[in-house]
Each structure stands twice: as C-alpha cells, then as structure tokens.
Amino acid sequence: MNKMLFAAAVCVVLTSVAGSAFAAKKTAGKAKAPSTPGKSFSVYSDQGAKSNHFVPSGWMGDCGDIKLNAGFKEGPQAGTSCIMITYSAESSQNNGWSGVYWQYPANNWGNVNKGYNLTGVKKLTFWARGEKGDEEIAEFKVGGISGEYADSDSTTVGPVKLTKEWKQYTIDLDGKDLSHVIGGFCWTASKDNNPEGVVFYLDEIAFE
C-alpha cells in the first residue's frame, strides 16, 4: 500500500507498540545477518517463548483500530496460548486499513542494521482461524520492509478468507533471497472487505 510507511510512522506516535525500541548506529554497508541453522525458526509459538524471534511492533494504517493479545489462552491450536487480533474497521486514522508486522529488532522499519539470515528456508507456515468464519484478510506476508537496511525480499498470500476452525496456511519462500529478514510476518485487512470489523486468531508461526 502506497501510504504504508507514512501510516506506520503515525502509528508509532499514536500507539504504544509491543516491545521496546532498539537503537543502532548505522555503518557503511549492511551488517552480516546472524545465521539461523535448524529445521524450524519460530516467529511465534507461545506468549513469552524463548523461541519467538520477532516482535509484533510494526503497527500500520489505522493502528487505533487494532487490539492484539499475544497470550490468549482459550483454544490455542497448540501450546498454552495463541494470538487474538481485533480489527474494528473504524478508520481511526482515516486510512481504511490496518496491519501489523512482526519485526526484528522491534520497531525496525529498515533503519536498524540488523536482520536474520534465513537462507535455505523453504516456507513459512502458520495457523489461523476467524471468530465467526468468512473473515477476509487482505494479505499475509514475509518481508517487504524498505529503508536503508531493507528486507532482502518479500512474498505474500491473499486475500484469504478464514474458517471458524483452525487451518494451516503456507507462504512459499523457495527461491527467495532470505539473507536479511527483518519483517518476519505481516497481516493487513481493510474496512472495504470487513465493514463491521473482524476478530481472528494466529498460532504456530514458523519458518521451515
């Protein structure tokens, strides 16, 4: 979306986002991303899990329309908790859409010289369900954050209509440049497709 970066900057001012801000001195060139060996690399498994590698700090668009509970304990797909997201579609910042990026480090819009090297990863999988079913999410995304130290690539799936029951979704990353990943996961939803707003749930988000 053309106004994404502006809207995200507004959200930083108007909302208190998850996680604390990180500061880093910019250096010439891009820092070497830490290597991440292993078969699975988690974005979110449970609230506060040490295996979580990204923070849902990148609130965008009508950020006043978003409520995010990363420790919802009623009926997670696995473990002890899942993520509950409420999007009211009230257009509190007059954008007509909202979204959240899970970032590394927190609040990194390409201005921090850090990122994960996920070279060799083939896909990102996640579980999602709607409160009622038929909720429409405009996109689920990996990467796509710009800036001086931007994501090295991006890919999306969507639009996605959710079901009331948990369902696993896959974002194909085969052949993508994953040498510098700061936007580990993202969703966006619009008022046009959800005029009454939506409530939906996410769980077990992981690179594989």
Protein backbone atom coordinates (compact mmCIF):
# COMPACT_ATOMS: atom_id res chain seq x y z
CA MET A 1 0.00 0.00 0.00
CA ASN A 2 1.37 3.39 -1.04
CA LYS A 3 0.72 5.05 2.32
CA MET A 4 2.08 2.17 4.40
CA LEU A 5 5.29 3.78 5.64
CA PHE A 6 3.58 7.10 6.46
CA ALA A 7 0.78 5.36 8.30
CA ALA A 8 3.26 3.21 10.19
CA ALA A 9 5.15 6.31 11.30
CA VAL A 10 1.90 7.84 12.56
CA CYS A 11 1.19 4.65 14.50
CA VAL A 12 4.50 4.90 16.33
CA VAL A 13 3.38 8.28 17.65
CA LEU A 14 -0.23 7.39 18.44
CA THR A 15 0.08 3.92 19.97
CA SER A 16 2.19 2.02 22.44
CA VAL A 17 3.54 -0.93 20.50
CA ALA A 18 4.76 -4.27 21.78
CA GLY A 19 8.43 -4.47 22.70
CA SER A 20 10.97 -1.77 23.38
CA ALA A 21 12.73 0.25 20.70
CA PHE A 22 16.21 -0.73 19.65
CA ALA A 23 18.86 1.79 18.63
CA ALA A 24 21.80 1.04 16.40
CA LYS A 25 24.49 3.17 14.84
CA LYS A 26 24.39 2.92 11.06
CA THR A 27 27.56 1.73 9.43
CA ALA A 28 28.69 1.63 5.84
CA GLY A 29 27.11 -1.34 4.10
CA LYS A 30 24.79 -3.95 5.57
CA ALA A 31 25.81 -5.89 8.67
CA LYS A 32 26.16 -9.63 8.34
CA ALA A 33 22.89 -11.21 9.42
CA PRO A 34 23.15 -13.81 12.16
CA SER A 35 22.91 -17.32 10.76
CA THR A 36 19.94 -19.38 11.91
CA PRO A 37 20.61 -23.11 11.49
CA GLY A 38 17.94 -25.69 12.21
CA LYS A 39 14.81 -27.11 10.65
CA SER A 40 12.37 -24.63 12.24
CA PHE A 41 12.71 -20.96 13.19
CA SER A 42 9.78 -19.61 15.15
CA VAL A 43 8.06 -16.25 14.78
CA TYR A 44 5.51 -17.16 17.48
CA SER A 45 4.86 -20.39 19.37
CA ASP A 46 3.55 -19.21 22.78
CA GLN A 47 3.47 -15.92 24.67
CA GLY A 48 6.92 -15.16 26.04
CA ALA A 49 8.51 -18.26 24.49
CA LYS A 50 12.30 -18.04 24.14
CA SER A 51 11.92 -19.46 20.64
CA ASN A 52 10.00 -16.37 19.44
CA HIS A 53 12.33 -14.39 17.18
CA PHE A 54 10.19 -11.44 16.03
CA VAL A 55 8.09 -8.80 17.84
CA PRO A 56 4.62 -7.55 16.70
CA SER A 57 5.77 -3.94 16.88
CA GLY A 58 5.05 -2.74 13.33
CA TRP A 59 1.50 -1.38 13.60
CA MET A 60 0.28 0.22 10.36
CA GLY A 61 -2.63 2.10 8.84
CA ASP A 62 -5.47 2.67 11.27
CA CYS A 63 -3.46 1.43 14.23
CA GLY A 64 -6.10 2.72 16.63
CA ASP A 65 -8.42 0.07 15.18
CA ILE A 66 -6.18 -2.80 16.36
CA LYS A 67 -6.16 -4.76 19.59
CA LEU A 68 -3.60 -7.55 19.89
CA ASN A 69 -3.47 -10.13 22.68
CA ALA A 70 -0.41 -12.38 22.29
CA GLY A 71 -1.40 -14.51 25.28
CA PHE A 72 -4.97 -15.59 24.51
CA LYS A 73 -5.45 -18.92 26.25
CA GLU A 74 -8.85 -20.14 25.03
CA GLY A 75 -8.45 -22.89 22.45
CA PRO A 76 -4.96 -22.33 21.00
CA GLN A 77 -4.02 -24.55 18.10
CA ALA A 78 -1.04 -25.82 20.11
CA GLY A 79 0.76 -24.99 23.35
CA THR A 80 -0.74 -22.75 26.02
CA SER A 81 -1.63 -19.58 24.10
CA CYS A 82 -2.33 -18.04 20.71
CA ILE A 83 -2.65 -14.51 19.28
CA MET A 84 -6.06 -12.83 19.28
CA ILE A 85 -6.44 -9.84 16.94
CA THR A 86 -9.41 -7.49 16.90
CA TYR A 87 -9.73 -5.10 13.94
CA SER A 88 -12.62 -2.66 14.47
CA ALA A 89 -12.59 -1.07 10.97
CA GLU A 90 -13.45 2.32 12.48
CA SER A 91 -10.82 4.14 10.36
CA SER A 92 -9.42 5.92 13.40
CA GLN A 93 -6.57 7.41 11.31
CA ASN A 94 -8.69 7.69 8.11
CA ASN A 95 -6.72 5.06 6.18
CA GLY A 96 -9.37 2.38 5.71
CA TRP A 97 -6.98 -0.48 6.52
CA SER A 98 -4.80 -1.82 9.31
CA GLY A 99 -1.96 -4.29 9.73
CA VAL A 100 0.88 -5.49 11.92
CA TYR A 101 4.45 -6.55 11.13
CA TRP A 102 6.41 -8.92 13.38
CA GLN A 103 9.84 -7.28 13.26
CA TYR A 104 13.46 -7.89 14.24
CA PRO A 105 14.53 -5.94 16.16
CA ALA A 106 11.33 -4.37 17.49
CA ASN A 107 10.22 -1.25 15.56
CA ASN A 108 12.75 -1.84 12.77
CA TRP A 109 11.46 -0.16 9.60
CA GLY A 110 14.73 -0.70 7.74
CA ASN A 111 16.59 1.88 9.80
CA VAL A 112 18.45 -0.63 12.01
CA ASN A 113 21.43 -2.53 10.62
CA LYS A 114 20.28 -5.95 11.85
CA GLY A 115 18.43 -8.89 10.35
CA TYR A 116 18.19 -12.68 10.34
CA ASN A 117 19.87 -14.81 7.69
CA LEU A 118 17.26 -17.43 6.82
CA THR A 119 18.98 -18.70 3.70
CA GLY A 120 17.84 -22.24 2.97
CA VAL A 121 14.36 -21.81 4.44
CA LYS A 122 11.68 -23.06 2.04
CA LYS A 123 8.43 -21.80 3.55
CA LEU A 124 6.65 -20.08 6.40
CA THR A 125 3.70 -21.90 7.91
CA PHE A 126 1.08 -20.56 10.31
CA TRP A 127 -2.31 -21.47 11.71
CA ALA A 128 -5.27 -19.10 11.60
CA ARG A 129 -9.00 -19.06 12.25
CA GLY A 130 -11.78 -16.48 12.39
CA GLU A 131 -14.13 -15.82 15.26
CA LYS A 132 -17.17 -16.46 13.06
CA GLY A 133 -15.67 -17.66 9.78
CA ASP A 134 -15.53 -15.88 6.40
CA GLU A 135 -13.33 -13.04 7.71
CA GLU A 136 -11.22 -11.67 4.84
CA ILE A 137 -7.54 -10.89 5.41
CA ALA A 138 -6.11 -8.88 2.52
CA GLU A 139 -2.69 -10.48 2.77
CA PHE A 140 -0.27 -12.43 4.88
CA LYS A 141 3.32 -11.53 4.11
CA VAL A 142 7.00 -12.20 4.73
CA GLY A 143 9.45 -9.35 4.16
CA GLY A 144 8.74 -6.19 2.21
CA ILE A 145 10.02 -3.58 4.68
CA SER A 146 12.02 -0.93 2.84
CA GLY A 147 14.58 1.55 4.12
CA GLU A 148 18.38 1.72 4.18
CA TYR A 149 18.65 -1.79 5.64
CA ALA A 150 15.60 -3.25 3.93
CA ASP A 151 14.32 -6.81 3.79
CA SER A 152 16.20 -8.71 1.11
CA ASP A 153 12.97 -9.99 -0.49
CA SER A 154 9.22 -10.34 0.03
CA THR A 155 6.29 -12.58 -0.82
CA THR A 156 2.60 -12.65 0.03
CA VAL A 157 -0.52 -14.79 0.00
CA GLY A 158 -4.01 -13.38 -0.13
CA PRO A 159 -6.68 -12.39 0.02
CA VAL A 160 -7.52 -15.19 2.47
CA LYS A 161 -10.99 -15.99 3.79
CA LEU A 162 -10.70 -17.61 7.19
CA THR A 163 -12.73 -20.50 8.53
CA LYS A 164 -14.08 -20.84 12.06
CA GLU A 165 -11.81 -23.83 12.66
CA TRP A 166 -8.02 -23.73 12.81
CA LYS A 167 -6.41 -24.15 9.38
CA GLN A 168 -2.74 -24.18 8.43
CA TYR A 169 -1.52 -21.84 5.69
CA THR A 170 1.81 -21.75 3.84
CA ILE A 171 3.81 -18.92 2.29
CA ASP A 172 6.17 -20.42 -0.29
CA LEU A 173 9.69 -19.00 0.09
CA ASP A 174 11.57 -21.34 -2.24
CA GLY A 175 13.98 -19.31 -4.37
CA LYS A 176 13.58 -16.12 -2.34
CA ASP A 177 16.54 -14.13 -1.06
CA LEU A 178 16.29 -14.56 2.71
CA SER A 179 19.76 -13.32 3.62
CA HIS A 180 18.39 -10.32 5.55
CA VAL A 181 14.93 -10.72 7.10
CA ILE A 182 13.54 -8.05 9.42
CA GLY A 183 9.82 -8.38 8.63
CA GLY A 184 9.22 -11.97 9.66
CA PHE A 185 5.44 -11.94 9.28
CA CYS A 186 2.67 -9.48 8.48
CA TRP A 187 -1.08 -9.25 8.01
CA THR A 188 -3.28 -6.49 6.61
CA ALA A 189 -7.07 -6.14 6.49
CA SER A 190 -9.35 -3.47 5.04
CA LYS A 191 -12.59 -1.79 6.00
CA ASP A 192 -13.97 -2.34 2.49
CA ASN A 193 -13.86 -6.10 2.94
CA ASN A 194 -14.71 -6.09 6.65
CA PRO A 195 -17.05 -3.12 7.26
CA GLU A 196 -18.07 -4.44 10.68
CA GLY A 197 -14.52 -5.36 11.65
CA VAL A 198 -13.13 -8.82 12.39
CA VAL A 199 -11.73 -10.93 15.19
CA PHE A 200 -9.22 -13.61 14.22
CA TYR A 201 -6.56 -15.78 15.77
CA LEU A 202 -2.99 -16.83 14.83
CA ASP A 203 -0.74 -19.54 16.21
CA GLU A 204 2.41 -21.57 15.49
CA ILE A 205 4.03 -19.15 13.02
CA ALA A 206 7.37 -20.59 11.90
CA PHE A 207 9.92 -20.69 9.08
CA GLU A 208 10.76 -24.20 7.90
